Amino acid sequence: MEENIKAYVPKFYLYDENFPCNFDDYIERSKICLEENGKQVHKDIVKEDLIHGKYNGKKGFIVPNKEVIQDKEAPIYYFVREFDNIYTITYAMFFYLNPGYIFNLNVQGHYSDWEHVTLEFDYEHKPLRMYFSCHSSLEGRWWAWKDVQLDINQRPRVYVAPKSNANYHRPGFYPRVLGFANDKTRADGPVWDPTELLSVENEYWINYTGYVGCNLKGTKPSVKNISQQYWFRRDSQKSSNSFVQIFLPFYKLFKR
């Protein structure tokens, strides 16, 4: 299992220079926004308070106050889940910015974005399939291992869309939301080939249950910490399809 964690680290093909970043660096360059006497107050983040959960349950959220370093040296985070017949390795990456877009306009953008891919193995350590996160649980998708593109070292390739950080198994064009928020990926863009692997469950910030980001104005919370993400807490992830992506508004309406 340990060998597979290293052997199957994906290689990411980005559309632009929006590389992931080190979450520790993000924390160090940010403040915590807390509500006191009906007002929002920005305070320095105390590492020990983050470790011991003192910010939990206070409706706080993290606001970056300095630009975070995004580069090819960013670590990739991982965790393992074991089941009766299979086990999974999830690789998570943290992006400083999710610009958001509708018709190429920056809409619903926010700071901080946890994305992930999950590989499923049998106990003979053979890969069975792979999950690519994409916007939400409604759009992420499992693909059989035979449908996953591999590099020369049999590592899976992941194609990352611009302005959303959504992950796909192929380069190309992906219509979404009635054509208002389409994604596109490319095979000839910047490559992120992570070499530093960090276990999520060993990180000091894992016990923080609040929001790790905010809207672009810094006034409202956006993304929750990884320990509160459905894909960290649940045993499995549902698979979507192209129909759901295209007709997402109607799908949500009929799912109510």
C-alpha atoms as a PDB file:
ATOM      1  CA  MET A   1       0.000   0.000   0.000  1.00  0.00           C
ATOM      2  CA  GLU A   2       2.804   2.409   0.902  1.00  0.00           C
ATOM      3  CA  GLU A   3       4.492   1.668  -2.416  1.00  0.00           C
ATOM      4  CA  ASN A   4       1.298   2.486  -4.303  1.00  0.00           C
ATOM      5  CA  ILE A   5       0.970   5.843  -2.549  1.00  0.00           C
ATOM      6  CA  LYS A   6       4.241   6.892  -4.168  1.00  0.00           C
ATOM      7  CA  ALA A   7       3.931   4.950  -7.412  1.00  0.00           C
ATOM      8  CA  TYR A   8       0.541   6.333  -8.438  1.00  0.00           C
ATOM      9  CA  VAL A   9       0.927  10.016  -7.619  1.00  0.00           C
ATOM     10  CA  PRO A  10      -0.862  11.703 -10.532  1.00  0.00           C
ATOM     11  CA  LYS A  11       0.743  14.120 -12.929  1.00  0.00           C
ATOM     12  CA  PHE A  12      -1.354  17.246 -13.454  1.00  0.00           C
ATOM     13  CA  TYR A  13      -1.674  19.101 -16.731  1.00  0.00           C
ATOM     14  CA  LEU A  14      -2.775  22.661 -16.001  1.00  0.00           C
ATOM     15  CA  TYR A  15      -4.334  25.104 -18.420  1.00  0.00           C
ATOM     16  CA  ASP A  16      -2.393  28.083 -17.064  1.00  0.00           C
ATOM     17  CA  GLU A  17       0.096  28.966 -14.324  1.00  0.00           C
ATOM     18  CA  ASN A  18      -2.419  28.563 -11.494  1.00  0.00           C
ATOM     19  CA  PHE A  19      -0.365  25.990  -9.584  1.00  0.00           C
ATOM     20  CA  PRO A  20      -1.465  24.641  -6.194  1.00  0.00           C
ATOM     21  CA  CYS A  21       0.229  25.922  -3.053  1.00  0.00           C
ATOM     22  CA  ASN A  22       1.421  24.727   0.343  1.00  0.00           C
ATOM     23  CA  PHE A  23      -1.445  24.997   2.821  1.00  0.00           C
ATOM     24  CA  ASP A  24       0.986  25.841   5.638  1.00  0.00           C
ATOM     25  CA  ASP A  25       2.177  28.834   3.613  1.00  0.00           C
ATOM     26  CA  TYR A  26      -1.431  29.865   3.045  1.00  0.00           C
ATOM     27  CA  ILE A  27      -2.137  29.779   6.805  1.00  0.00           C
ATOM     28  CA  GLU A  28       0.978  31.815   7.583  1.00  0.00           C
ATOM     29  CA  ARG A  29      -0.058  34.522   5.093  1.00  0.00           C
ATOM     30  CA  SER A  30      -3.652  34.750   6.311  1.00  0.00           C
ATOM     31  CA  LYS A  31      -5.780  36.010   9.189  1.00  0.00           C
ATOM     32  CA  ILE A  32      -8.841  34.575  10.886  1.00  0.00           C
ATOM     33  CA  CYS A  33     -12.052  36.574  10.599  1.00  0.00           C
ATOM     34  CA  LEU A  34     -14.228  36.277  13.720  1.00  0.00           C
ATOM     35  CA  GLU A  35     -17.483  37.903  14.680  1.00  0.00           C
ATOM     36  CA  GLU A  36     -17.271  39.980  17.856  1.00  0.00           C
ATOM     37  CA  ASN A  37     -20.084  42.232  19.063  1.00  0.00           C
ATOM     38  CA  GLY A  38     -21.781  41.975  15.696  1.00  0.00           C
ATOM     39  CA  LYS A  39     -18.709  43.046  13.749  1.00  0.00           C
ATOM     40  CA  GLN A  40     -16.127  41.158  11.730  1.00  0.00           C
ATOM     41  CA  VAL A  41     -12.662  41.329  13.274  1.00  0.00           C
ATOM     42  CA  HIS A  42      -9.500  40.070  11.561  1.00  0.00           C
ATOM     43  CA  LYS A  43      -6.919  38.526  13.896  1.00  0.00           C
ATOM     44  CA  ASP A  44      -3.572  36.808  13.517  1.00  0.00           C
ATOM     45  CA  ILE A  45      -3.899  33.023  13.411  1.00  0.00           C
ATOM     46  CA  VAL A  46      -2.375  31.387  16.492  1.00  0.00           C
ATOM     47  CA  LYS A  47      -1.084  27.951  15.532  1.00  0.00           C
ATOM     48  CA  GLU A  48      -1.803  26.427  18.952  1.00  0.00           C
ATOM     49  CA  ASP A  49      -5.395  27.695  18.828  1.00  0.00           C
ATOM     50  CA  LEU A  50      -5.820  26.094  15.416  1.00  0.00           C
ATOM     51  CA  ILE A  51      -4.411  22.804  16.726  1.00  0.00           C
ATOM     52  CA  HIS A  52      -6.660  22.722  19.788  1.00  0.00           C
ATOM     53  CA  GLY A  53      -9.803  23.726  17.954  1.00  0.00           C
ATOM     54  CA  LYS A  54     -10.316  27.077  19.658  1.00  0.00           C
ATOM     55  CA  TYR A  55     -11.598  28.608  16.413  1.00  0.00           C
ATOM     56  CA  ASN A  56     -14.105  25.824  15.850  1.00  0.00           C
ATOM     57  CA  GLY A  57     -17.788  26.639  16.209  1.00  0.00           C
ATOM     58  CA  LYS A  58     -17.234  30.407  16.083  1.00  0.00           C
ATOM     59  CA  LYS A  59     -18.427  30.993  12.519  1.00  0.00           C
ATOM     60  CA  GLY A  60     -14.944  32.164  11.634  1.00  0.00           C
ATOM     61  CA  PHE A  61     -13.197  31.949   8.295  1.00  0.00           C
ATOM     62  CA  ILE A  62      -9.686  32.418   7.014  1.00  0.00           C
ATOM     63  CA  VAL A  63      -8.840  35.447   4.881  1.00  0.00           C
ATOM     64  CA  PRO A  64      -5.523  35.654   2.999  1.00  0.00           C
ATOM     65  CA  ASN A  65      -3.839  39.006   3.579  1.00  0.00           C
ATOM     66  CA  LYS A  66      -0.773  38.325   1.441  1.00  0.00           C
ATOM     67  CA  GLU A  67      -0.429  36.663  -1.925  1.00  0.00           C
ATOM     68  CA  VAL A  68       0.375  32.993  -1.495  1.00  0.00           C
ATOM     69  CA  ILE A  69       3.205  31.304  -3.386  1.00  0.00           C
ATOM     70  CA  GLN A  70       1.934  29.084  -6.180  1.00  0.00           C
ATOM     71  CA  ASP A  71       4.598  26.955  -7.837  1.00  0.00           C
ATOM     72  CA  LYS A  72       5.638  23.535  -9.068  1.00  0.00           C
ATOM     73  CA  GLU A  73       7.123  22.688  -5.666  1.00  0.00           C
ATOM     74  CA  ALA A  74       3.765  22.600  -3.882  1.00  0.00           C
ATOM     75  CA  PRO A  75       3.145  19.376  -1.934  1.00  0.00           C
ATOM     76  CA  ILE A  76       0.308  17.000  -2.616  1.00  0.00           C
ATOM     77  CA  TYR A  77      -1.670  15.700   0.361  1.00  0.00           C
ATOM     78  CA  TYR A  78      -3.060  12.188   0.678  1.00  0.00           C
ATOM     79  CA  PHE A  79      -5.100   9.864   2.879  1.00  0.00           C
ATOM     80  CA  VAL A  80      -6.008   6.165   2.681  1.00  0.00           C
ATOM     81  CA  ARG A  81      -9.327   4.428   3.372  1.00  0.00           C
ATOM     82  CA  GLU A  82      -9.591   0.634   3.745  1.00  0.00           C
ATOM     83  CA  PHE A  83     -12.714  -1.458   3.051  1.00  0.00           C
ATOM     84  CA  ASP A  84     -13.557  -5.160   2.844  1.00  0.00           C
ATOM     85  CA  ASN A  85     -12.519  -5.805  -0.751  1.00  0.00           C
ATOM     86  CA  ILE A  86     -10.789  -2.614  -1.793  1.00  0.00           C
ATOM     87  CA  TYR A  87      -8.828   0.352  -0.499  1.00  0.00           C
ATOM     88  CA  THR A  88      -8.578   3.892  -1.814  1.00  0.00           C
ATOM     89  CA  ILE A  89      -5.847   6.513  -1.953  1.00  0.00           C
ATOM     90  CA  THR A  90      -7.056  10.091  -2.221  1.00  0.00           C
ATOM     91  CA  TYR A  91      -4.665  12.813  -3.362  1.00  0.00           C
ATOM     92  CA  ALA A  92      -5.715  16.337  -2.413  1.00  0.00           C
ATOM     93  CA  MET A  93      -4.339  19.629  -3.686  1.00  0.00           C
ATOM     94  CA  PHE A  94      -4.911  23.081  -2.321  1.00  0.00           C
ATOM     95  CA  PHE A  95      -5.341  26.032  -4.662  1.00  0.00           C
ATOM     96  CA  TYR A  96      -4.991  29.585  -3.398  1.00  0.00           C
ATOM     97  CA  LEU A  97      -7.578  30.936  -5.813  1.00  0.00           C
ATOM     98  CA  ASN A  98     -10.692  29.805  -7.636  1.00  0.00           C
ATOM     99  CA  PRO A  99     -11.586  32.801  -9.845  1.00  0.00           C
ATOM    100  CA  GLY A 100     -15.001  31.454 -10.834  1.00  0.00           C
ATOM    101  CA  TYR A 101     -16.599  32.217 -14.165  1.00  0.00           C
ATOM    102  CA  ILE A 102     -19.760  32.462 -16.242  1.00  0.00           C
ATOM    103  CA  PHE A 103     -19.248  33.369 -19.900  1.00  0.00           C
ATOM    104  CA  ASN A 104     -15.574  34.061 -19.003  1.00  0.00           C
ATOM    105  CA  LEU A 105     -16.604  36.648 -16.390  1.00  0.00           C
ATOM    106  CA  ASN A 106     -15.297  36.266 -12.840  1.00  0.00           C
ATOM    107  CA  VAL A 107     -18.446  35.186 -11.012  1.00  0.00           C
ATOM    108  CA  GLN A 108     -18.647  33.356  -7.677  1.00  0.00           C
ATOM    109  CA  GLY A 109     -14.878  33.477  -7.295  1.00  0.00           C
ATOM    110  CA  HIS A 110     -13.307  32.708  -3.943  1.00  0.00           C
ATOM    111  CA  TYR A 111     -10.013  32.228  -2.136  1.00  0.00           C
ATOM    112  CA  SER A 112      -8.996  28.656  -1.260  1.00  0.00           C
ATOM    113  CA  ASP A 113     -10.036  25.526  -3.065  1.00  0.00           C
ATOM    114  CA  TRP A 114      -9.535  21.900  -2.058  1.00  0.00           C
ATOM    115  CA  GLU A 115      -9.602  19.535  -5.053  1.00  0.00           C
ATOM    116  CA  HIS A 116      -8.911  15.814  -5.173  1.00  0.00           C
ATOM    117  CA  VAL A 117      -8.662  12.600  -7.132  1.00  0.00           C
ATOM    118  CA  THR A 118      -9.189   9.112  -5.693  1.00  0.00           C
ATOM    119  CA  LEU A 119      -7.669   5.842  -6.860  1.00  0.00           C
ATOM    120  CA  GLU A 120      -9.346   2.549  -5.982  1.00  0.00           C
ATOM    121  CA  PHE A 121      -7.293  -0.684  -5.622  1.00  0.00           C
ATOM    122  CA  ASP A 122      -7.989  -4.326  -4.860  1.00  0.00           C
ATOM    123  CA  TYR A 123      -5.897  -6.058  -2.197  1.00  0.00           C
ATOM    124  CA  GLU A 124      -3.577  -7.416  -4.842  1.00  0.00           C
ATOM    125  CA  HIS A 125      -2.721  -3.717  -5.240  1.00  0.00           C
ATOM    126  CA  LYS A 126      -4.073  -3.444  -8.769  1.00  0.00           C
ATOM    127  CA  PRO A 127      -5.801  -0.174  -9.704  1.00  0.00           C
ATOM    128  CA  LEU A 128      -9.490  -0.602 -10.554  1.00  0.00           C
ATOM    129  CA  ARG A 129     -10.814   2.895 -11.237  1.00  0.00           C
ATOM    130  CA  MET A 130     -10.203   6.588 -10.542  1.00  0.00           C
ATOM    131  CA  TYR A 131     -12.376   9.465  -9.379  1.00  0.00           C
ATOM    132  CA  PHE A 132     -11.912  13.017 -10.701  1.00  0.00           C
ATOM    133  CA  SER A 133     -13.364  15.826  -8.565  1.00  0.00           C
ATOM    134  CA  CYS A 134     -15.242  18.437 -10.552  1.00  0.00           C
ATOM    135  CA  HIS A 135     -17.008  21.458  -8.993  1.00  0.00           C
ATOM    136  CA  SER A 136     -19.220  19.445  -6.620  1.00  0.00           C
ATOM    137  CA  SER A 137     -20.360  15.943  -5.747  1.00  0.00           C
ATOM    138  CA  LEU A 138     -22.921  16.256  -8.545  1.00  0.00           C
ATOM    139  CA  GLU A 139     -20.262  16.558 -11.232  1.00  0.00           C
ATOM    140  CA  GLY A 140     -17.308  14.451 -10.060  1.00  0.00           C
ATOM    141  CA  ARG A 141     -16.901  11.201 -11.949  1.00  0.00           C
ATOM    142  CA  TRP A 142     -15.406   7.701 -11.625  1.00  0.00           C
ATOM    143  CA  TRP A 143     -13.610   6.222 -14.628  1.00  0.00           C
ATOM    144  CA  ALA A 144     -12.514   2.617 -15.105  1.00  0.00           C
ATOM    145  CA  TRP A 145      -8.735   2.264 -14.998  1.00  0.00           C
ATOM    146  CA  LYS A 146      -8.636   1.364 -18.716  1.00  0.00           C
ATOM    147  CA  ASP A 147     -10.096   4.833 -19.461  1.00  0.00           C
ATOM    148  CA  VAL A 148      -7.472   6.726 -17.460  1.00  0.00           C
ATOM    149  CA  GLN A 149      -4.532   8.146 -19.415  1.00  0.00           C
ATOM    150  CA  LEU A 150      -1.124   7.117 -18.038  1.00  0.00           C
ATOM    151  CA  ASP A 151       2.355   8.502 -18.515  1.00  0.00           C
ATOM    152  CA  ILE A 152       5.399   6.403 -19.373  1.00  0.00           C
ATOM    153  CA  ASN A 153       5.755   5.390 -15.697  1.00  0.00           C
ATOM    154  CA  GLN A 154       2.103   4.281 -15.471  1.00  0.00           C
ATOM    155  CA  ARG A 155       1.148   7.306 -13.399  1.00  0.00           C
ATOM    156  CA  PRO A 156      -2.321   8.715 -14.097  1.00  0.00           C
ATOM    157  CA  ARG A 157      -2.714  12.016 -15.903  1.00  0.00           C
ATOM    158  CA  VAL A 158      -5.139  14.632 -14.632  1.00  0.00           C
ATOM    159  CA  TYR A 159      -6.238  17.591 -16.740  1.00  0.00           C
ATOM    160  CA  VAL A 160      -7.138  20.716 -14.757  1.00  0.00           C
ATOM    161  CA  ALA A 161      -9.563  23.328 -16.068  1.00  0.00           C
ATOM    162  CA  PRO A 162      -8.802  27.064 -15.676  1.00  0.00           C
ATOM    163  CA  LYS A 163     -10.799  29.326 -13.324  1.00  0.00           C
ATOM    164  CA  SER A 164     -12.410  26.334 -11.596  1.00  0.00           C
ATOM    165  CA  ASN A 165      -9.580  23.855 -10.886  1.00  0.00           C
ATOM    166  CA  ALA A 166     -11.951  21.061 -11.943  1.00  0.00           C
ATOM    167  CA  ASN A 167     -10.308  17.743 -12.832  1.00  0.00           C
ATOM    168  CA  TYR A 168     -10.898  15.695 -15.988  1.00  0.00           C
ATOM    169  CA  HIS A 169      -9.550  12.437 -17.397  1.00  0.00           C
ATOM    170  CA  ARG A 170      -8.995  13.823 -20.900  1.00  0.00           C
ATOM    171  CA  PRO A 171      -7.996  17.118 -22.526  1.00  0.00           C
ATOM    172  CA  GLY A 172     -10.823  18.810 -24.364  1.00  0.00           C
ATOM    173  CA  PHE A 173     -14.020  20.834 -24.083  1.00  0.00           C
ATOM    174  CA  TYR A 174     -16.682  20.097 -21.445  1.00  0.00           C
ATOM    175  CA  PRO A 175     -20.070  21.837 -21.731  1.00  0.00           C
ATOM    176  CA  ARG A 176     -21.649  22.728 -18.379  1.00  0.00           C
ATOM    177  CA  VAL A 177     -24.707  24.489 -16.994  1.00  0.00           C
ATOM    178  CA  LEU A 178     -26.558  24.996 -20.306  1.00  0.00           C
ATOM    179  CA  GLY A 179     -23.371  26.347 -21.861  1.00  0.00           C
ATOM    180  CA  PHE A 180     -22.933  29.201 -19.362  1.00  0.00           C
ATOM    181  CA  ALA A 181     -19.964  27.746 -17.437  1.00  0.00           C
ATOM    182  CA  ASN A 182     -18.075  25.417 -19.748  1.00  0.00           C
ATOM    183  CA  ASP A 183     -14.736  23.863 -18.864  1.00  0.00           C
ATOM    184  CA  LYS A 184     -11.765  23.196 -21.105  1.00  0.00           C
ATOM    185  CA  THR A 185      -8.482  21.373 -20.541  1.00  0.00           C
ATOM    186  CA  ARG A 186      -5.278  20.960 -22.505  1.00  0.00           C
ATOM    187  CA  ALA A 187      -2.389  18.524 -22.720  1.00  0.00           C
ATOM    188  CA  ASP A 188       0.278  21.088 -23.654  1.00  0.00           C
ATOM    189  CA  GLY A 189      -0.022  23.443 -20.689  1.00  0.00           C
ATOM    190  CA  PRO A 190       2.163  23.780 -17.575  1.00  0.00           C
ATOM    191  CA  VAL A 191       2.768  20.464 -15.782  1.00  0.00           C
ATOM    192  CA  TRP A 192       2.613  19.999 -12.029  1.00  0.00           C
ATOM    193  CA  ASP A 193       4.566  16.870 -11.095  1.00  0.00           C
ATOM    194  CA  PRO A 194       4.389  16.770  -7.271  1.00  0.00           C
ATOM    195  CA  THR A 195       7.300  15.118  -5.467  1.00  0.00           C
ATOM    196  CA  GLU A 196       6.461  15.982  -1.845  1.00  0.00           C
ATOM    197  CA  LEU A 197       3.725  13.802  -0.341  1.00  0.00           C
ATOM    198  CA  LEU A 198       2.171  14.783   2.976  1.00  0.00           C
ATOM    199  CA  SER A 199      -0.336  12.754   4.960  1.00  0.00           C
ATOM    200  CA  VAL A 200      -3.359  14.964   5.638  1.00  0.00           C
ATOM    201  CA  GLU A 201      -4.007  13.251   8.949  1.00  0.00           C
ATOM    202  CA  ASN A 202      -0.550  14.243  10.258  1.00  0.00           C
ATOM    203  CA  GLU A 203      -1.013  17.958   9.556  1.00  0.00           C
ATOM    204  CA  TYR A 204      -1.517  20.309  12.527  1.00  0.00           C
ATOM    205  CA  TRP A 205      -4.476  22.068  10.889  1.00  0.00           C
ATOM    206  CA  ILE A 206      -6.568  18.936  10.344  1.00  0.00           C
ATOM    207  CA  ASN A 207      -8.642  19.562  13.511  1.00  0.00           C
ATOM    208  CA  TYR A 208      -9.826  22.967  12.301  1.00  0.00           C
ATOM    209  CA  THR A 209     -13.494  22.522  11.313  1.00  0.00           C
ATOM    210  CA  GLY A 210     -14.169  26.010  10.008  1.00  0.00           C
ATOM    211  CA  TYR A 211     -13.865  27.675   6.629  1.00  0.00           C
ATOM    212  CA  VAL A 212     -10.436  28.039   5.042  1.00  0.00           C
ATOM    213  CA  GLY A 213     -11.412  30.684   2.524  1.00  0.00           C
ATOM    214  CA  CYS A 214     -13.746  33.495   1.630  1.00  0.00           C
ATOM    215  CA  ASN A 215     -15.242  35.395  -1.287  1.00  0.00           C
ATOM    216  CA  LEU A 216     -12.967  37.738  -3.215  1.00  0.00           C
ATOM    217  CA  LYS A 217     -14.102  40.694  -1.080  1.00  0.00           C
ATOM    218  CA  GLY A 218     -13.109  38.870   2.111  1.00  0.00           C
ATOM    219  CA  THR A 219     -16.552  39.298   3.679  1.00  0.00           C
ATOM    220  CA  LYS A 220     -18.157  35.838   3.471  1.00  0.00           C
ATOM    221  CA  PRO A 221     -16.860  32.289   4.054  1.00  0.00           C
ATOM    222  CA  SER A 222     -16.456  29.908   1.127  1.00  0.00           C
ATOM    223  CA  VAL A 223     -14.694  26.537   1.349  1.00  0.00           C
ATOM    224  CA  LYS A 224     -14.537  24.383   4.488  1.00  0.00           C
ATOM    225  CA  ASN A 225     -11.382  22.657   5.646  1.00  0.00           C
ATOM    226  CA  ILE A 226     -10.579  19.269   4.165  1.00  0.00           C
ATOM    227  CA  SER A 227     -11.690  17.379   7.294  1.00  0.00           C
ATOM    228  CA  GLN A 228     -15.214  18.711   6.710  1.00  0.00           C
ATOM    229  CA  GLN A 229     -15.394  17.844   3.026  1.00  0.00           C
ATOM    230  CA  TYR A 230     -17.887  15.109   2.103  1.00  0.00           C
ATOM    231  CA  TRP A 231     -15.161  13.181   0.268  1.00  0.00           C
ATOM    232  CA  PHE A 232     -12.977  13.066   3.383  1.00  0.00           C
ATOM    233  CA  ARG A 233     -15.763  11.900   5.685  1.00  0.00           C
ATOM    234  CA  ARG A 234     -17.756   9.543   3.449  1.00  0.00           C
ATOM    235  CA  ASP A 235     -16.932   5.970   2.513  1.00  0.00           C
ATOM    236  CA  SER A 236     -17.663   6.471  -1.170  1.00  0.00           C
ATOM    237  CA  GLN A 237     -18.259   9.087  -3.854  1.00  0.00           C
ATOM    238  CA  LYS A 238     -21.020   9.095  -6.436  1.00  0.00           C
ATOM    239  CA  SER A 239     -20.261   9.303 -10.134  1.00  0.00           C
ATOM    240  CA  SER A 240     -21.786  11.883 -12.425  1.00  0.00           C
ATOM    241  CA  ASN A 241     -22.131  12.041 -16.209  1.00  0.00           C
ATOM    242  CA  SER A 242     -22.096  14.573 -19.047  1.00  0.00           C
ATOM    243  CA  PHE A 243     -25.894  14.947 -19.030  1.00  0.00           C
ATOM    244  CA  VAL A 244     -25.839  16.132 -15.402  1.00  0.00           C
ATOM    245  CA  GLN A 245     -23.075  18.653 -16.134  1.00  0.00           C
ATOM    246  CA  ILE A 246     -24.920  20.200 -19.066  1.00  0.00           C
ATOM    247  CA  PHE A 247     -28.386  20.306 -17.479  1.00  0.00           C
ATOM    248  CA  LEU A 248     -27.234  20.921 -13.898  1.00  0.00           C
ATOM    249  CA  PRO A 249     -29.884  23.562 -12.978  1.00  0.00           C
ATOM    250  CA  PHE A 250     -32.747  21.242 -14.001  1.00  0.00           C
ATOM    251  CA  TYR A 251     -31.104  18.249 -12.342  1.00  0.00           C
ATOM    252  CA  LYS A 252     -30.873  20.127  -9.033  1.00  0.00           C
ATOM    253  CA  LEU A 253     -34.506  21.202  -9.363  1.00  0.00           C
ATOM    254  CA  PHE A 254     -35.799  17.650  -9.848  1.00  0.00           C
ATOM    255  CA  LYS A 255     -33.550  16.275  -7.079  1.00  0.00           C
ATOM    256  CA  ARG A 256     -35.315  18.400  -4.446  1.00  0.00           C
END
